[in-house]
Amino acid sequence: MTGCDRTGANACEPADKNSDSFIFTARQVSTYMKTTTTWVSDHHFNSQQEGQVISMDGNLKNGMSPKALLLSGVAGCSGVDVVDILQKMRVPFSQLEIIAEVDQTDEHPRVFKDISITYRLDFVPADEEKVRKAIDLSLEKYCGVAAMLRKNSPIVYTLERI
């Protein structure tokens, strides 16, 4: 089965209405990725990818911590998938909020323990199974960030209708 890419550059459509398979409808994106991270001062760094810049700060004065960005990465990655899949399933929604939480180990290196993700969407109750299917497909099949993190940290989710 072919999935949607994480950048949203590829649209995906169901292979048929009763299938969990999706097909690409746009160009595939390269698998190569490069970032350049530059020290600014103290624990503040700027990281750049293709002209986009994000600040990181271990002291939380000038940006998010690197680990918080990683946690945000799994939320954003999964969010892209969920939006693409729900749109292709023709499930209407106008709000989506993803809250990712994690505890870290006490000893160094302090790594993530269990990751808990809450998906908050406005959907009609009749579409709940489709929403859950979209989240499951994202976390178990398409989201590369979730796949990488899952090798060390179990990922669980809850769904809230807003």
C-alpha atoms as a PDB file:
ATOM      1  CA  MET A   1       0.000   0.000   0.000  1.00  0.00           C
ATOM      2  CA  THR A   2       1.268   3.462  -0.811  1.00  0.00           C
ATOM      3  CA  GLY A   3       0.802   6.304   1.674  1.00  0.00           C
ATOM      4  CA  CYS A   4       0.759  10.068   1.714  1.00  0.00           C
ATOM      5  CA  ASP A   5       4.042  11.843   2.290  1.00  0.00           C
ATOM      6  CA  ARG A   6       4.558  13.842   5.475  1.00  0.00           C
ATOM      7  CA  THR A   7       4.861  17.235   3.783  1.00  0.00           C
ATOM      8  CA  GLY A   8       1.412  17.196   2.295  1.00  0.00           C
ATOM      9  CA  ALA A   9       2.870  17.658  -1.185  1.00  0.00           C
ATOM     10  CA  ASN A  10       1.246  14.433  -2.323  1.00  0.00           C
ATOM     11  CA  ALA A  11      -2.503  14.231  -2.303  1.00  0.00           C
ATOM     12  CA  CYS A  12      -3.856  10.768  -1.746  1.00  0.00           C
ATOM     13  CA  GLU A  13      -7.163   9.262  -2.697  1.00  0.00           C
ATOM     14  CA  PRO A  14      -8.830   6.018  -1.690  1.00  0.00           C
ATOM     15  CA  ALA A  15      -8.149   3.252  -4.210  1.00  0.00           C
ATOM     16  CA  ASP A  16     -11.880   2.561  -3.916  1.00  0.00           C
ATOM     17  CA  LYS A  17     -14.620   3.557  -1.480  1.00  0.00           C
ATOM     18  CA  ASN A  18     -14.397   0.344   0.557  1.00  0.00           C
ATOM     19  CA  SER A  19     -10.613   0.146   0.725  1.00  0.00           C
ATOM     20  CA  ASP A  20      -7.997   1.202   3.244  1.00  0.00           C
ATOM     21  CA  SER A  21      -5.562   1.618   0.344  1.00  0.00           C
ATOM     22  CA  PHE A  22      -4.623   5.052  -0.901  1.00  0.00           C
ATOM     23  CA  ILE A  23      -2.966   6.021  -4.175  1.00  0.00           C
ATOM     24  CA  PHE A  24      -0.783   9.006  -5.008  1.00  0.00           C
ATOM     25  CA  THR A  25      -2.284  11.692  -7.229  1.00  0.00           C
ATOM     26  CA  ALA A  26       0.694  14.061  -7.339  1.00  0.00           C
ATOM     27  CA  ARG A  27       4.483  13.920  -7.647  1.00  0.00           C
ATOM     28  CA  GLN A  28       6.447  11.988  -5.068  1.00  0.00           C
ATOM     29  CA  VAL A  29       8.783  13.955  -2.802  1.00  0.00           C
ATOM     30  CA  SER A  30      12.448  13.074  -2.421  1.00  0.00           C
ATOM     31  CA  THR A  31      13.419  10.969   0.583  1.00  0.00           C
ATOM     32  CA  TYR A  32      16.515  13.117   1.145  1.00  0.00           C
ATOM     33  CA  MET A  33      16.341  15.732   3.904  1.00  0.00           C
ATOM     34  CA  LYS A  34      18.903  18.255   5.104  1.00  0.00           C
ATOM     35  CA  THR A  35      18.845  20.833   7.889  1.00  0.00           C
ATOM     36  CA  THR A  36      21.519  23.272   8.991  1.00  0.00           C
ATOM     37  CA  THR A  37      21.570  24.209  12.677  1.00  0.00           C
ATOM     38  CA  THR A  38      23.554  27.251  13.781  1.00  0.00           C
ATOM     39  CA  TRP A  39      24.484  28.248  17.302  1.00  0.00           C
ATOM     40  CA  VAL A  40      23.214  31.739  18.183  1.00  0.00           C
ATOM     41  CA  SER A  41      24.167  32.057  21.868  1.00  0.00           C
ATOM     42  CA  ASP A  42      24.003  30.148  25.147  1.00  0.00           C
ATOM     43  CA  HIS A  43      21.566  27.265  24.404  1.00  0.00           C
ATOM     44  CA  HIS A  44      19.844  29.081  21.513  1.00  0.00           C
ATOM     45  CA  PHE A  45      20.112  27.605  18.007  1.00  0.00           C
ATOM     46  CA  ASN A  46      18.449  28.344  14.675  1.00  0.00           C
ATOM     47  CA  SER A  47      17.740  25.441  12.374  1.00  0.00           C
ATOM     48  CA  GLN A  48      17.018  25.942   8.689  1.00  0.00           C
ATOM     49  CA  GLN A  49      15.458  23.732   6.037  1.00  0.00           C
ATOM     50  CA  GLU A  50      14.899  25.017   2.517  1.00  0.00           C
ATOM     51  CA  GLY A  51      14.679  28.646   3.649  1.00  0.00           C
ATOM     52  CA  GLN A  52      12.408  27.978   6.643  1.00  0.00           C
ATOM     53  CA  VAL A  53      13.948  28.814  10.032  1.00  0.00           C
ATOM     54  CA  ILE A  54      12.930  27.653  13.486  1.00  0.00           C
ATOM     55  CA  SER A  55      14.504  28.613  16.808  1.00  0.00           C
ATOM     56  CA  MET A  56      15.358  26.111  19.519  1.00  0.00           C
ATOM     57  CA  ASP A  57      16.477  26.967  23.009  1.00  0.00           C
ATOM     58  CA  GLY A  58      17.403  24.589  25.796  1.00  0.00           C
ATOM     59  CA  ASN A  59      16.540  27.415  28.225  1.00  0.00           C
ATOM     60  CA  LEU A  60      13.151  28.099  26.552  1.00  0.00           C
ATOM     61  CA  LYS A  61      13.910  31.814  26.203  1.00  0.00           C
ATOM     62  CA  ASN A  62      14.093  32.029  22.397  1.00  0.00           C
ATOM     63  CA  GLY A  63      12.258  28.965  21.190  1.00  0.00           C
ATOM     64  CA  MET A  64      11.031  25.516  22.007  1.00  0.00           C
ATOM     65  CA  SER A  65      13.340  22.867  23.403  1.00  0.00           C
ATOM     66  CA  PRO A  66      14.701  20.332  20.898  1.00  0.00           C
ATOM     67  CA  LYS A  67      12.713  17.538  22.586  1.00  0.00           C
ATOM     68  CA  ALA A  68       9.513  19.619  22.463  1.00  0.00           C
ATOM     69  CA  LEU A  69      10.107  20.069  18.732  1.00  0.00           C
ATOM     70  CA  LEU A  70      10.407  16.304  18.390  1.00  0.00           C
ATOM     71  CA  LEU A  71       7.125  15.860  20.269  1.00  0.00           C
ATOM     72  CA  SER A  72       5.551  18.568  18.094  1.00  0.00           C
ATOM     73  CA  GLY A  73       6.951  16.749  15.075  1.00  0.00           C
ATOM     74  CA  VAL A  74       4.946  13.613  15.770  1.00  0.00           C
ATOM     75  CA  ALA A  75       1.805  15.727  16.273  1.00  0.00           C
ATOM     76  CA  GLY A  76       2.378  17.663  13.047  1.00  0.00           C
ATOM     77  CA  CYS A  77       3.291  14.555  11.061  1.00  0.00           C
ATOM     78  CA  SER A  78       0.209  12.699  12.216  1.00  0.00           C
ATOM     79  CA  GLY A  79      -1.936  15.800  11.771  1.00  0.00           C
ATOM     80  CA  VAL A  80      -0.970  16.084   8.103  1.00  0.00           C
ATOM     81  CA  ASP A  81      -1.940  12.447   7.595  1.00  0.00           C
ATOM     82  CA  VAL A  82      -5.225  12.741   9.481  1.00  0.00           C
ATOM     83  CA  VAL A  83      -6.256  15.844   7.525  1.00  0.00           C
ATOM     84  CA  ASP A  84      -5.394  14.213   4.177  1.00  0.00           C
ATOM     85  CA  ILE A  85      -7.171  10.955   5.017  1.00  0.00           C
ATOM     86  CA  LEU A  86     -10.293  12.598   6.446  1.00  0.00           C
ATOM     87  CA  GLN A  87     -10.565  14.870   3.420  1.00  0.00           C
ATOM     88  CA  LYS A  88     -10.297  11.881   1.097  1.00  0.00           C
ATOM     89  CA  MET A  89     -12.894  10.032   3.199  1.00  0.00           C
ATOM     90  CA  ARG A  90     -15.066  13.127   2.851  1.00  0.00           C
ATOM     91  CA  VAL A  91     -15.389  13.509   6.605  1.00  0.00           C
ATOM     92  CA  PRO A  92     -16.230  17.160   7.306  1.00  0.00           C
ATOM     93  CA  PHE A  93     -14.425  18.970  10.118  1.00  0.00           C
ATOM     94  CA  SER A  94     -13.276  22.542  10.689  1.00  0.00           C
ATOM     95  CA  GLN A  95     -11.190  22.230  13.857  1.00  0.00           C
ATOM     96  CA  LEU A  96      -8.302  19.955  14.744  1.00  0.00           C
ATOM     97  CA  GLU A  97      -6.078  20.301  17.787  1.00  0.00           C
ATOM     98  CA  ILE A  98      -3.437  17.734  18.673  1.00  0.00           C
ATOM     99  CA  ILE A  99      -2.017  17.649  22.197  1.00  0.00           C
ATOM    100  CA  ALA A 100       1.089  15.506  22.673  1.00  0.00           C
ATOM    101  CA  GLU A 101       2.367  14.730  26.163  1.00  0.00           C
ATOM    102  CA  VAL A 102       5.247  12.638  27.454  1.00  0.00           C
ATOM    103  CA  ASP A 103       7.193  11.863  30.590  1.00  0.00           C
ATOM    104  CA  GLN A 104      10.938  11.453  30.362  1.00  0.00           C
ATOM    105  CA  THR A 105      13.225   9.030  32.111  1.00  0.00           C
ATOM    106  CA  ASP A 106      14.958  10.280  35.268  1.00  0.00           C
ATOM    107  CA  GLU A 107      18.477   9.307  34.231  1.00  0.00           C
ATOM    108  CA  HIS A 108      20.585  10.614  31.356  1.00  0.00           C
ATOM    109  CA  PRO A 109      20.110  10.405  28.537  1.00  0.00           C
ATOM    110  CA  ARG A 110      16.601  11.551  29.428  1.00  0.00           C
ATOM    111  CA  VAL A 111      14.468   9.914  26.762  1.00  0.00           C
ATOM    112  CA  PHE A 112      10.725   9.772  26.202  1.00  0.00           C
ATOM    113  CA  LYS A 113       8.661   7.185  28.051  1.00  0.00           C
ATOM    114  CA  ASP A 114       5.069   6.612  26.904  1.00  0.00           C
ATOM    115  CA  ILE A 115       3.778   9.206  24.436  1.00  0.00           C
ATOM    116  CA  SER A 116       0.128  10.219  24.825  1.00  0.00           C
ATOM    117  CA  ILE A 117      -1.596  12.078  21.994  1.00  0.00           C
ATOM    118  CA  THR A 118      -5.057  13.645  22.224  1.00  0.00           C
ATOM    119  CA  TYR A 119      -6.826  14.468  18.965  1.00  0.00           C
ATOM    120  CA  ARG A 120      -9.559  17.079  19.406  1.00  0.00           C
ATOM    121  CA  LEU A 121     -11.837  17.451  16.366  1.00  0.00           C
ATOM    122  CA  ASP A 122     -15.293  18.687  15.542  1.00  0.00           C
ATOM    123  CA  PHE A 123     -16.998  15.801  13.766  1.00  0.00           C
ATOM    124  CA  VAL A 124     -20.459  14.291  13.779  1.00  0.00           C
ATOM    125  CA  PRO A 125     -20.810  11.179  15.951  1.00  0.00           C
ATOM    126  CA  ALA A 126     -21.650   9.051  12.902  1.00  0.00           C
ATOM    127  CA  ASP A 127     -18.094   9.682  11.572  1.00  0.00           C
ATOM    128  CA  GLU A 128     -16.256   8.571  14.719  1.00  0.00           C
ATOM    129  CA  GLU A 129     -15.139   5.237  13.231  1.00  0.00           C
ATOM    130  CA  LYS A 130     -13.731   7.005  10.166  1.00  0.00           C
ATOM    131  CA  VAL A 131     -11.869   9.498  12.363  1.00  0.00           C
ATOM    132  CA  ARG A 132     -10.413   6.663  14.438  1.00  0.00           C
ATOM    133  CA  LYS A 133      -9.427   4.823  11.248  1.00  0.00           C
ATOM    134  CA  ALA A 134      -7.619   7.942   9.970  1.00  0.00           C
ATOM    135  CA  ILE A 135      -5.704   8.293  13.247  1.00  0.00           C
ATOM    136  CA  ASP A 136      -4.846   4.583  13.331  1.00  0.00           C
ATOM    137  CA  LEU A 137      -3.589   4.668   9.742  1.00  0.00           C
ATOM    138  CA  SER A 138      -1.464   7.698  10.543  1.00  0.00           C
ATOM    139  CA  LEU A 139       0.120   6.385  13.729  1.00  0.00           C
ATOM    140  CA  GLU A 140       0.548   2.788  12.593  1.00  0.00           C
ATOM    141  CA  LYS A 141       1.330   3.127   8.919  1.00  0.00           C
ATOM    142  CA  TYR A 142       2.075   6.554   7.452  1.00  0.00           C
ATOM    143  CA  CYS A 143       3.680   8.883  10.009  1.00  0.00           C
ATOM    144  CA  GLY A 144       7.436   8.357   9.845  1.00  0.00           C
ATOM    145  CA  VAL A 145       8.022  10.343  13.025  1.00  0.00           C
ATOM    146  CA  ALA A 146       5.660   8.050  14.932  1.00  0.00           C
ATOM    147  CA  ALA A 147       7.397   5.008  13.452  1.00  0.00           C
ATOM    148  CA  MET A 148      10.793   6.267  14.639  1.00  0.00           C
ATOM    149  CA  LEU A 149       9.610   7.248  18.121  1.00  0.00           C
ATOM    150  CA  ARG A 150       7.605   4.039  18.569  1.00  0.00           C
ATOM    151  CA  LYS A 151      10.873   2.057  18.462  1.00  0.00           C
ATOM    152  CA  ASN A 152      11.648   3.476  21.916  1.00  0.00           C
ATOM    153  CA  SER A 153       8.369   4.831  23.278  1.00  0.00           C
ATOM    154  CA  PRO A 154       4.858   3.378  23.092  1.00  0.00           C
ATOM    155  CA  ILE A 155       2.337   5.774  21.566  1.00  0.00           C
ATOM    156  CA  VAL A 156      -1.291   5.846  22.720  1.00  0.00           C
ATOM    157  CA  TYR A 157      -4.047   8.225  21.717  1.00  0.00           C
ATOM    158  CA  THR A 158      -7.437   9.484  22.785  1.00  0.00           C
ATOM    159  CA  LEU A 159     -10.064  11.141  20.652  1.00  0.00           C
ATOM    160  CA  GLU A 160     -12.232  14.031  21.839  1.00  0.00           C
ATOM    161  CA  ARG A 161     -15.122  15.463  19.873  1.00  0.00           C
ATOM    162  CA  ILE A 162     -15.376  19.241  20.208  1.00  0.00           C
END
